[in-house]
Amino acid sequence: MTVDTSPGSGLEIYVCPTCKGPLREEEGALRCPRCAQTYPIREDIPDFVLEDLSSSSDPLLRRMRFIDRITRIYETRLWYPNVLNVFAGIRSPSCLARY
């Protein structure tokens, strides 16, 4: 798969999270020529998280793995209107519109 990193491709907005250098596409990945860090592209999306979050030393990052369990429902009628009601209130304009 070839990823277009030329101006107008959308990928030119990315910089290396490690050194803030420019990134170049190389066989299914974005590579930083400055620090030699490589970021894989999975399903046309650059993956800038190189660490296995389940074994991270940061407790907040370890909890991120649980997000995968709710991704199937968090924008459905089961989840979104209920969370919006809790945080924005039942009378919020988005809650009054049909979802």
PDB file of N, CA and C in Angstrom:
ATOM      1  N   MET A   1       0.842  -1.169   0.000  1.00  0.00           N
ATOM      2  CA  MET A   1       0.000   0.000   0.000  1.00  0.00           C
ATOM      3  C   MET A   1       0.891   1.238   0.000  1.00  0.00           C
ATOM      4  N   THR A   2       0.562   2.187  -0.813  1.00  0.00           N
ATOM      5  CA  THR A   2       1.306   3.427  -0.873  1.00  0.00           C
ATOM      6  C   THR A   2       0.474   4.529  -0.260  1.00  0.00           C
ATOM      7  N   VAL A   3       1.063   5.278   0.629  1.00  0.00           N
ATOM      8  CA  VAL A   3       0.377   6.380   1.291  1.00  0.00           C
ATOM      9  C   VAL A   3       0.915   7.668   0.717  1.00  0.00           C
ATOM     10  N   ASP A   4       0.006   8.541   0.315  1.00  0.00           N
ATOM     11  CA  ASP A   4       0.382   9.808  -0.278  1.00  0.00           C
ATOM     12  C   ASP A   4       0.656  10.826   0.823  1.00  0.00           C
ATOM     13  N   THR A   5       1.908  11.231   0.987  1.00  0.00           N
ATOM     14  CA  THR A   5       2.260  12.244   1.983  1.00  0.00           C
ATOM     15  C   THR A   5       2.557  13.586   1.326  1.00  0.00           C
ATOM     16  N   SER A   6       2.196  13.717   0.046  1.00  0.00           N
ATOM     17  CA  SER A   6       2.414  14.984  -0.645  1.00  0.00           C
ATOM     18  C   SER A   6       1.413  16.023  -0.157  1.00  0.00           C
ATOM     19  N   PRO A   7       1.692  17.308  -0.403  1.00  0.00           N
ATOM     20  CA  PRO A   7       0.743  18.347   0.005  1.00  0.00           C
ATOM     21  C   PRO A   7      -0.644  18.049  -0.555  1.00  0.00           C
ATOM     22  N   GLY A   8      -1.646  18.170   0.293  1.00  0.00           N
ATOM     23  CA  GLY A   8      -3.016  17.885  -0.110  1.00  0.00           C
ATOM     24  C   GLY A   8      -3.465  16.473   0.192  1.00  0.00           C
ATOM     25  N   SER A   9      -2.555  15.605   0.623  1.00  0.00           N
ATOM     26  CA  SER A   9      -2.924  14.219   0.923  1.00  0.00           C
ATOM     27  C   SER A   9      -3.558  14.082   2.294  1.00  0.00           C
ATOM     28  N   GLY A  10      -3.361  15.061   3.161  1.00  0.00           N
ATOM     29  CA  GLY A  10      -3.881  14.989   4.522  1.00  0.00           C
ATOM     30  C   GLY A  10      -2.834  14.515   5.512  1.00  0.00           C
ATOM     31  N   LEU A  11      -1.860  13.754   5.065  1.00  0.00           N
ATOM     32  CA  LEU A  11      -0.835  13.228   5.964  1.00  0.00           C
ATOM     33  C   LEU A  11       0.291  14.225   6.220  1.00  0.00           C
ATOM     34  N   GLU A  12       0.339  15.296   5.444  1.00  0.00           N
ATOM     35  CA  GLU A  12       1.408  16.269   5.657  1.00  0.00           C
ATOM     36  C   GLU A  12       1.236  17.046   6.952  1.00  0.00           C
ATOM     37  N   ILE A  13       0.082  16.917   7.582  1.00  0.00           N
ATOM     38  CA  ILE A  13      -0.142  17.618   8.852  1.00  0.00           C
ATOM     39  C   ILE A  13       0.564  16.924  10.015  1.00  0.00           C
ATOM     40  N   TYR A  14       0.960  15.676   9.826  1.00  0.00           N
ATOM     41  CA  TYR A  14       1.600  14.924  10.904  1.00  0.00           C
ATOM     42  C   TYR A  14       3.079  15.231  11.007  1.00  0.00           C
ATOM     43  N   VAL A  15       3.559  15.280  12.236  1.00  0.00           N
ATOM     44  CA  VAL A  15       4.984  15.366  12.515  1.00  0.00           C
ATOM     45  C   VAL A  15       5.323  14.258  13.497  1.00  0.00           C
ATOM     46  N   CYS A  16       6.570  13.971  13.642  1.00  0.00           N
ATOM     47  CA  CYS A  16       7.012  12.931  14.560  1.00  0.00           C
ATOM     48  C   CYS A  16       6.682  13.340  16.002  1.00  0.00           C
ATOM     49  N   PRO A  17       5.949  12.516  16.730  1.00  0.00           N
ATOM     50  CA  PRO A  17       5.642  12.841  18.127  1.00  0.00           C
ATOM     51  C   PRO A  17       6.887  12.882  19.014  1.00  0.00           C
ATOM     52  N   THR A  18       7.942  12.209  18.614  1.00  0.00           N
ATOM     53  CA  THR A  18       9.163  12.152  19.417  1.00  0.00           C
ATOM     54  C   THR A  18      10.001  13.421  19.276  1.00  0.00           C
ATOM     55  N   CYS A  19      10.274  13.833  18.030  1.00  0.00           N
ATOM     56  CA  CYS A  19      11.179  14.969  17.821  1.00  0.00           C
ATOM     57  C   CYS A  19      10.552  16.132  17.060  1.00  0.00           C
ATOM     58  N   LYS A  20       9.313  15.978  16.642  1.00  0.00           N
ATOM     59  CA  LYS A  20       8.571  17.003  15.875  1.00  0.00           C
ATOM     60  C   LYS A  20       9.123  17.216  14.478  1.00  0.00           C
ATOM     61  N   GLY A  21       9.902  16.272  13.987  1.00  0.00           N
ATOM     62  CA  GLY A  21      10.438  16.350  12.630  1.00  0.00           C
ATOM     63  C   GLY A  21       9.410  15.920  11.599  1.00  0.00           C
ATOM     64  N   PRO A  22       9.677  16.194  10.319  1.00  0.00           N
ATOM     65  CA  PRO A  22       8.771  15.795   9.238  1.00  0.00           C
ATOM     66  C   PRO A  22       8.768  14.275   9.071  1.00  0.00           C
ATOM     67  N   LEU A  23       7.682  13.744   8.565  1.00  0.00           N
ATOM     68  CA  LEU A  23       7.568  12.302   8.356  1.00  0.00           C
ATOM     69  C   LEU A  23       7.536  11.993   6.872  1.00  0.00           C
ATOM     70  N   ARG A  24       8.087  10.824   6.509  1.00  0.00           N
ATOM     71  CA  ARG A  24       8.087  10.342   5.133  1.00  0.00           C
ATOM     72  C   ARG A  24       7.435   8.975   5.082  1.00  0.00           C
ATOM     73  N   GLU A  25       6.676   8.725   4.026  1.00  0.00           N
ATOM     74  CA  GLU A  25       6.037   7.420   3.852  1.00  0.00           C
ATOM     75  C   GLU A  25       7.052   6.418   3.325  1.00  0.00           C
ATOM     76  N   GLU A  26       7.097   5.236   3.971  1.00  0.00           N
ATOM     77  CA  GLU A  26       7.977   4.158   3.517  1.00  0.00           C
ATOM     78  C   GLU A  26       7.283   2.832   3.739  1.00  0.00           C
ATOM     79  N   GLU A  27       6.761   2.234   2.689  1.00  0.00           N
ATOM     80  CA  GLU A  27       6.158   0.902   2.703  1.00  0.00           C
ATOM     81  C   GLU A  27       5.233   0.647   3.888  1.00  0.00           C
ATOM     82  N   GLY A  28       4.091   1.303   3.902  1.00  0.00           N
ATOM     83  CA  GLY A  28       3.094   1.057   4.923  1.00  0.00           C
ATOM     84  C   GLY A  28       3.395   1.669   6.275  1.00  0.00           C
ATOM     85  N   ALA A  29       4.267   2.652   6.303  1.00  0.00           N
ATOM     86  CA  ALA A  29       4.612   3.298   7.565  1.00  0.00           C
ATOM     87  C   ALA A  29       5.042   4.736   7.301  1.00  0.00           C
ATOM     88  N   LEU A  30       5.008   5.529   8.339  1.00  0.00           N
ATOM     89  CA  LEU A  30       5.580   6.865   8.289  1.00  0.00           C
ATOM     90  C   LEU A  30       6.878   6.820   9.077  1.00  0.00           C
ATOM     91  N   ARG A  31       7.951   7.345   8.483  1.00  0.00           N
ATOM     92  CA  ARG A  31       9.267   7.294   9.116  1.00  0.00           C
ATOM     93  C   ARG A  31       9.806   8.704   9.279  1.00  0.00           C
ATOM     94  N   CYS A  32      10.402   8.943  10.429  1.00  0.00           N
ATOM     95  CA  CYS A  32      11.028  10.234  10.693  1.00  0.00           C
ATOM     96  C   CYS A  32      12.508  10.129  10.347  1.00  0.00           C
ATOM     97  N   PRO A  33      12.974  10.881   9.342  1.00  0.00           N
ATOM     98  CA  PRO A  33      14.391  10.820   8.988  1.00  0.00           C
ATOM     99  C   PRO A  33      15.294  11.441  10.056  1.00  0.00           C
ATOM    100  N   ARG A  34      14.750  12.304  10.879  1.00  0.00           N
ATOM    101  CA  ARG A  34      15.554  12.982  11.900  1.00  0.00           C
ATOM    102  C   ARG A  34      15.913  12.032  13.044  1.00  0.00           C
ATOM    103  N   CYS A  35      14.921  11.322  13.609  1.00  0.00           N
ATOM    104  CA  CYS A  35      15.207  10.457  14.763  1.00  0.00           C
ATOM    105  C   CYS A  35      15.077   8.968  14.446  1.00  0.00           C
ATOM    106  N   ALA A  36      14.740   8.635  13.202  1.00  0.00           N
ATOM    107  CA  ALA A  36      14.635   7.261  12.710  1.00  0.00           C
ATOM    108  C   ALA A  36      13.503   6.459  13.351  1.00  0.00           C
ATOM    109  N   GLN A  37      12.539   7.116  13.954  1.00  0.00           N
ATOM    110  CA  GLN A  37      11.379   6.424  14.514  1.00  0.00           C
ATOM    111  C   GLN A  37      10.412   6.086  13.374  1.00  0.00           C
ATOM    112  N   THR A  38       9.802   4.906  13.435  1.00  0.00           N
ATOM    113  CA  THR A  38       8.873   4.472  12.405  1.00  0.00           C
ATOM    114  C   THR A  38       7.514   4.216  13.034  1.00  0.00           C
ATOM    115  N   TYR A  39       6.459   4.708  12.365  1.00  0.00           N
ATOM    116  CA  TYR A  39       5.086   4.565  12.841  1.00  0.00           C
ATOM    117  C   TYR A  39       4.288   3.816  11.775  1.00  0.00           C
ATOM    118  N   PRO A  40       3.731   2.663  12.113  1.00  0.00           N
ATOM    119  CA  PRO A  40       2.991   1.876  11.123  1.00  0.00           C
ATOM    120  C   PRO A  40       1.691   2.563  10.712  1.00  0.00           C
ATOM    121  N   ILE A  41       1.243   2.245   9.504  1.00  0.00           N
ATOM    122  CA  ILE A  41      -0.061   2.717   9.026  1.00  0.00           C
ATOM    123  C   ILE A  41      -0.954   1.493   8.941  1.00  0.00           C
ATOM    124  N   ARG A  42      -2.046   1.526   9.704  1.00  0.00           N
ATOM    125  CA  ARG A  42      -2.992   0.403   9.743  1.00  0.00           C
ATOM    126  C   ARG A  42      -4.341   0.886   9.248  1.00  0.00           C
ATOM    127  N   GLU A  43      -4.824   0.256   8.191  1.00  0.00           N
ATOM    128  CA  GLU A  43      -6.107   0.628   7.592  1.00  0.00           C
ATOM    129  C   GLU A  43      -6.152   2.118   7.257  1.00  0.00           C
ATOM    130  N   ASP A  44      -5.086   2.604   6.637  1.00  0.00           N
ATOM    131  CA  ASP A  44      -4.932   3.999   6.202  1.00  0.00           C
ATOM    132  C   ASP A  44      -4.835   5.002   7.347  1.00  0.00           C
ATOM    133  N   ILE A  45      -4.579   4.553   8.573  1.00  0.00           N
ATOM    134  CA  ILE A  45      -4.472   5.445   9.727  1.00  0.00           C
ATOM    135  C   ILE A  45      -3.099   5.260  10.377  1.00  0.00           C
ATOM    136  N   PRO A  46      -2.311   6.341  10.488  1.00  0.00           N
ATOM    137  CA  PRO A  46      -1.013   6.222  11.167  1.00  0.00           C
ATOM    138  C   PRO A  46      -1.208   5.893  12.645  1.00  0.00           C
ATOM    139  N   ASP A  47      -0.415   4.961  13.148  1.00  0.00           N
ATOM    140  CA  ASP A  47      -0.481   4.558  14.552  1.00  0.00           C
ATOM    141  C   ASP A  47       0.745   5.117  15.263  1.00  0.00           C
ATOM    142  N   PHE A  48       0.520   6.162  16.061  1.00  0.00           N
ATOM    143  CA  PHE A  48       1.622   6.822  16.750  1.00  0.00           C
ATOM    144  C   PHE A  48       1.837   6.283  18.160  1.00  0.00           C
ATOM    145  N   VAL A  49       1.052   5.291  18.569  1.00  0.00           N
ATOM    146  CA  VAL A  49       1.215   4.681  19.888  1.00  0.00           C
ATOM    147  C   VAL A  49       2.073   3.437  19.706  1.00  0.00           C
ATOM    148  N   LEU A  50       3.328   3.541  20.078  1.00  0.00           N
ATOM    149  CA  LEU A  50       4.255   2.434  19.877  1.00  0.00           C
ATOM    150  C   LEU A  50       4.321   1.498  21.073  1.00  0.00           C
ATOM    151  N   GLU A  51       3.778   1.926  22.183  1.00  0.00           N
ATOM    152  CA  GLU A  51       3.849   1.163  23.424  1.00  0.00           C
ATOM    153  C   GLU A  51       2.640   0.234  23.551  1.00  0.00           C
ATOM    154  N   ASP A  52       2.838  -0.941  24.120  1.00  0.00           N
ATOM    155  CA  ASP A  52       1.724  -1.829  24.461  1.00  0.00           C
ATOM    156  C   ASP A  52       1.060  -1.244  25.703  1.00  0.00           C
ATOM    157  N   LEU A  53      -0.128  -0.672  25.527  1.00  0.00           N
ATOM    158  CA  LEU A  53      -0.773   0.052  26.616  1.00  0.00           C
ATOM    159  C   LEU A  53      -1.114  -0.837  27.808  1.00  0.00           C
ATOM    160  N   SER A  54      -1.376  -2.110  27.575  1.00  0.00           N
ATOM    161  CA  SER A  54      -1.741  -2.992  28.687  1.00  0.00           C
ATOM    162  C   SER A  54      -0.581  -3.227  29.646  1.00  0.00           C
ATOM    163  N   SER A  55       0.653  -2.998  29.194  1.00  0.00           N
ATOM    164  CA  SER A  55       1.799  -3.191  30.081  1.00  0.00           C
ATOM    165  C   SER A  55       2.540  -1.877  30.361  1.00  0.00           C
ATOM    166  N   SER A  56       1.864  -0.774  30.140  1.00  0.00           N
ATOM    167  CA  SER A  56       2.472   0.538  30.370  1.00  0.00           C
ATOM    168  C   SER A  56       2.706   0.775  31.859  1.00  0.00           C
ATOM    169  N   SER A  57       3.732   1.555  32.174  1.00  0.00           N
ATOM    170  CA  SER A  57       3.980   1.913  33.571  1.00  0.00           C
ATOM    171  C   SER A  57       3.017   2.998  34.043  1.00  0.00           C
ATOM    172  N   ASP A  58       2.378   3.682  33.105  1.00  0.00           N
ATOM    173  CA  ASP A  58       1.418   4.736  33.434  1.00  0.00           C
ATOM    174  C   ASP A  58       0.036   4.115  33.657  1.00  0.00           C
ATOM    175  N   PRO A  59      -0.544   4.259  34.857  1.00  0.00           N
ATOM    176  CA  PRO A  59      -1.843   3.638  35.131  1.00  0.00           C
ATOM    177  C   PRO A  59      -2.967   4.160  34.239  1.00  0.00           C
ATOM    178  N   LEU A  60      -2.901   5.424  33.840  1.00  0.00           N
ATOM    179  CA  LEU A  60      -3.919   5.971  32.952  1.00  0.00           C
ATOM    180  C   LEU A  60      -3.872   5.286  31.586  1.00  0.00           C
ATOM    181  N   LEU A  61      -2.690   5.088  31.060  1.00  0.00           N
ATOM    182  CA  LEU A  61      -2.552   4.411  29.771  1.00  0.00           C
ATOM    183  C   LEU A  61      -2.980   2.952  29.854  1.00  0.00           C
ATOM    184  N   ARG A  62      -2.729   2.301  30.980  1.00  0.00           N
ATOM    185  CA  ARG A  62      -3.173   0.907  31.145  1.00  0.00           C
ATOM    186  C   ARG A  62      -4.689   0.802  31.061  1.00  0.00           C
ATOM    187  N   ARG A  63      -5.400   1.806  31.570  1.00  0.00           N
ATOM    188  CA  ARG A  63      -6.864   1.787  31.524  1.00  0.00           C
ATOM    189  C   ARG A  63      -7.412   2.017  30.123  1.00  0.00           C
ATOM    190  N   MET A  64      -6.621   2.553  29.222  1.00  0.00           N
ATOM    191  CA  MET A  64      -7.086   2.834  27.866  1.00  0.00           C
ATOM    192  C   MET A  64      -7.502   1.565  27.128  1.00  0.00           C
ATOM    193  N   ARG A  65      -6.989   0.433  27.494  1.00  0.00           N
ATOM    194  CA  ARG A  65      -7.345  -0.808  26.795  1.00  0.00           C
ATOM    195  C   ARG A  65      -8.823  -1.135  26.952  1.00  0.00           C
ATOM    196  N   PHE A  66      -9.463  -0.621  27.992  1.00  0.00           N
ATOM    197  CA  PHE A  66     -10.878  -0.891  28.202  1.00  0.00           C
ATOM    198  C   PHE A  66     -11.769  -0.129  27.228  1.00  0.00           C
ATOM    199  N   ILE A  67     -11.236   0.901  26.600  1.00  0.00           N
ATOM    200  CA  ILE A  67     -12.010   1.657  25.618  1.00  0.00           C
ATOM    201  C   ILE A  67     -12.409   0.753  24.458  1.00  0.00           C
ATOM    202  N   ASP A  68     -11.550  -0.176  24.084  1.00  0.00           N
ATOM    203  CA  ASP A  68     -11.877  -1.083  22.987  1.00  0.00           C
ATOM    204  C   ASP A  68     -13.163  -1.864  23.261  1.00  0.00           C
ATOM    205  N   ARG A  69     -13.453  -2.115  24.501  1.00  0.00           N
ATOM    206  CA  ARG A  69     -14.656  -2.887  24.836  1.00  0.00           C
ATOM    207  C   ARG A  69     -15.942  -2.108  24.601  1.00  0.00           C
ATOM    208  N   ILE A  70     -15.893  -0.775  24.707  1.00  0.00           N
ATOM    209  CA  ILE A  70     -17.117  -0.004  24.541  1.00  0.00           C
ATOM    210  C   ILE A  70     -17.221   0.692  23.184  1.00  0.00           C
ATOM    211  N   THR A  71     -16.213   0.578  22.335  1.00  0.00           N
ATOM    212  CA  THR A  71     -16.244   1.298  21.061  1.00  0.00           C
ATOM    213  C   THR A  71     -17.418   0.886  20.188  1.00  0.00           C
ATOM    214  N   ARG A  72     -17.912  -0.324  20.338  1.00  0.00           N
ATOM    215  CA  ARG A  72     -19.032  -0.760  19.501  1.00  0.00           C
ATOM    216  C   ARG A  72     -20.342  -0.083  19.863  1.00  0.00           C
ATOM    217  N   ILE A  73     -20.435   0.488  21.076  1.00  0.00           N
ATOM    218  CA  ILE A  73     -21.712   1.087  21.476  1.00  0.00           C
ATOM    219  C   ILE A  73     -21.656   2.572  21.780  1.00  0.00           C
ATOM    220  N   TYR A  74     -20.487   3.188  21.875  1.00  0.00           N
ATOM    221  CA  TYR A  74     -20.434   4.543  22.416  1.00  0.00           C
ATOM    222  C   TYR A  74     -21.037   5.619  21.532  1.00  0.00           C
ATOM    223  N   GLU A  75     -21.297   5.383  20.271  1.00  0.00           N
ATOM    224  CA  GLU A  75     -22.000   6.363  19.454  1.00  0.00           C
ATOM    225  C   GLU A  75     -23.351   5.841  18.977  1.00  0.00           C
ATOM    226  N   THR A  76     -23.867   4.854  19.621  1.00  0.00           N
ATOM    227  CA  THR A  76     -25.177   4.318  19.254  1.00  0.00           C
ATOM    228  C   THR A  76     -26.258   4.957  20.110  1.00  0.00           C
ATOM    229  N   ARG A  77     -27.492   4.640  19.808  1.00  0.00           N
ATOM    230  CA  ARG A  77     -28.617   5.143  20.598  1.00  0.00           C
ATOM    231  C   ARG A  77     -28.568   4.625  22.025  1.00  0.00           C
ATOM    232  N   LEU A  78     -27.911   3.539  22.237  1.00  0.00           N
ATOM    233  CA  LEU A  78     -27.801   2.970  23.577  1.00  0.00           C
ATOM    234  C   LEU A  78     -26.916   3.835  24.479  1.00  0.00           C
ATOM    235  N   TRP A  79     -25.884   4.435  23.929  1.00  0.00           N
ATOM    236  CA  TRP A  79     -24.895   5.158  24.720  1.00  0.00           C
ATOM    237  C   TRP A  79     -25.011   6.675  24.610  1.00  0.00           C
ATOM    238  N   TYR A  80     -24.935   7.211  23.403  1.00  0.00           N
ATOM    239  CA  TYR A  80     -24.781   8.651  23.194  1.00  0.00           C
ATOM    240  C   TYR A  80     -25.877   9.495  23.853  1.00  0.00           C
ATOM    241  N   PRO A  81     -27.169   9.252  23.627  1.00  0.00           N
ATOM    242  CA  PRO A  81     -28.187  10.109  24.247  1.00  0.00           C
ATOM    243  C   PRO A  81     -28.162  10.053  25.775  1.00  0.00           C
ATOM    244  N   ASN A  82     -27.877   8.897  26.324  1.00  0.00           N
ATOM    245  CA  ASN A  82     -27.852   8.770  27.779  1.00  0.00           C
ATOM    246  C   ASN A  82     -26.695   9.551  28.390  1.00  0.00           C
ATOM    247  N   VAL A  83     -25.529   9.475  27.799  1.00  0.00           N
ATOM    248  CA  VAL A  83     -24.372  10.221  28.299  1.00  0.00           C
ATOM    249  C   VAL A  83     -24.600  11.723  28.115  1.00  0.00           C
ATOM    250  N   LEU A  84     -25.178  12.108  26.989  1.00  0.00           N
ATOM    251  CA  LEU A  84     -25.476  13.516  26.749  1.00  0.00           C
ATOM    252  C   LEU A  84     -26.461  14.048  27.783  1.00  0.00           C
ATOM    253  N   ASN A  85     -27.485  13.258  28.118  1.00  0.00           N
ATOM    254  CA  ASN A  85     -28.443  13.667  29.150  1.00  0.00           C
ATOM    255  C   ASN A  85     -27.755  13.879  30.490  1.00  0.00           C
ATOM    256  N   VAL A  86     -26.829  13.023  30.838  1.00  0.00           N
ATOM    257  CA  VAL A  86     -26.138  13.122  32.125  1.00  0.00           C
ATOM    258  C   VAL A  86     -25.263  14.370  32.181  1.00  0.00           C
ATOM    259  N   PHE A  87     -24.487  14.626  31.131  1.00  0.00           N
ATOM    260  CA  PHE A  87     -23.528  15.719  31.168  1.00  0.00           C
ATOM    261  C   PHE A  87     -24.083  17.059  30.696  1.00  0.00           C
ATOM    262  N   ALA A  88     -25.037  17.065  29.775  1.00  0.00           N
ATOM    263  CA  ALA A  88     -25.566  18.324  29.245  1.00  0.00           C
ATOM    264  C   ALA A  88     -26.944  18.656  29.806  1.00  0.00           C
ATOM    265  N   GLY A  89     -27.596  17.682  30.386  1.00  0.00           N
ATOM    266  CA  GLY A  89     -28.935  17.913  30.919  1.00  0.00           C
ATOM    267  C   GLY A  89     -30.005  17.464  29.940  1.00  0.00           C
ATOM    268  N   ILE A  90     -31.123  17.068  30.464  1.00  0.00           N
ATOM    269  CA  ILE A  90     -32.210  16.534  29.640  1.00  0.00           C
ATOM    270  C   ILE A  90     -32.756  17.591  28.689  1.00  0.00           C
ATOM    271  N   ARG A  91     -32.696  18.843  29.042  1.00  0.00           N
ATOM    272  CA  ARG A  91     -33.242  19.918  28.199  1.00  0.00           C
ATOM    273  C   ARG A  91     -32.247  20.443  27.162  1.00  0.00           C
ATOM    274  N   SER A  92     -31.093  19.832  27.017  1.00  0.00           N
ATOM    275  CA  SER A  92     -30.131  20.326  26.032  1.00  0.00           C
ATOM    276  C   SER A  92     -30.704  20.141  24.625  1.00  0.00           C
ATOM    277  N   PRO A  93     -30.401  21.068  23.707  1.00  0.00           N
ATOM    278  CA  PRO A  93     -30.974  20.997  22.359  1.00  0.00           C
ATOM    279  C   PRO A  93     -30.706  19.671  21.638  1.00  0.00           C
ATOM    280  N   SER A  94     -29.514  19.103  21.828  1.00  0.00           N
ATOM    281  CA  SER A  94     -29.204  17.847  21.153  1.00  0.00           C
ATOM    282  C   SER A  94     -30.021  16.699  21.709  1.00  0.00           C
ATOM    283  N   CYS A  95     -30.402  16.764  22.966  1.00  0.00           N
ATOM    284  CA  CYS A  95     -31.200  15.698  23.545  1.00  0.00           C
ATOM    285  C   CYS A  95     -32.650  15.787  23.083  1.00  0.00           C
ATOM    286  N   LEU A  96     -33.105  16.973  22.749  1.00  0.00           N
ATOM    287  CA  LEU A  96     -34.477  17.144  22.322  1.00  0.00           C
ATOM    288  C   LEU A  96     -34.676  16.680  20.875  1.00  0.00           C
ATOM    289  N   ALA A  97     -33.612  16.748  20.091  1.00  0.00           N
ATOM    290  CA  ALA A  97     -33.695  16.277  18.701  1.00  0.00           C
ATOM    291  C   ALA A  97     -33.681  14.766  18.691  1.00  0.00           C
ATOM    292  N   ARG A  98     -34.348  14.205  17.713  1.00  0.00           N
ATOM    293  CA  ARG A  98     -34.340  12.742  17.600  1.00  0.00           C
ATOM    294  C   ARG A  98     -32.977  12.276  17.167  1.00  0.00           C
ATOM    295  N   TYR A  99     -32.461  11.309  17.809  1.00  0.00           N
ATOM    296  CA  TYR A  99     -31.144  10.758  17.467  1.00  0.00           C
ATOM    297  C   TYR A  99     -31.295   9.747  16.376  1.00  0.00           C
TER     298      TYR A  99
END
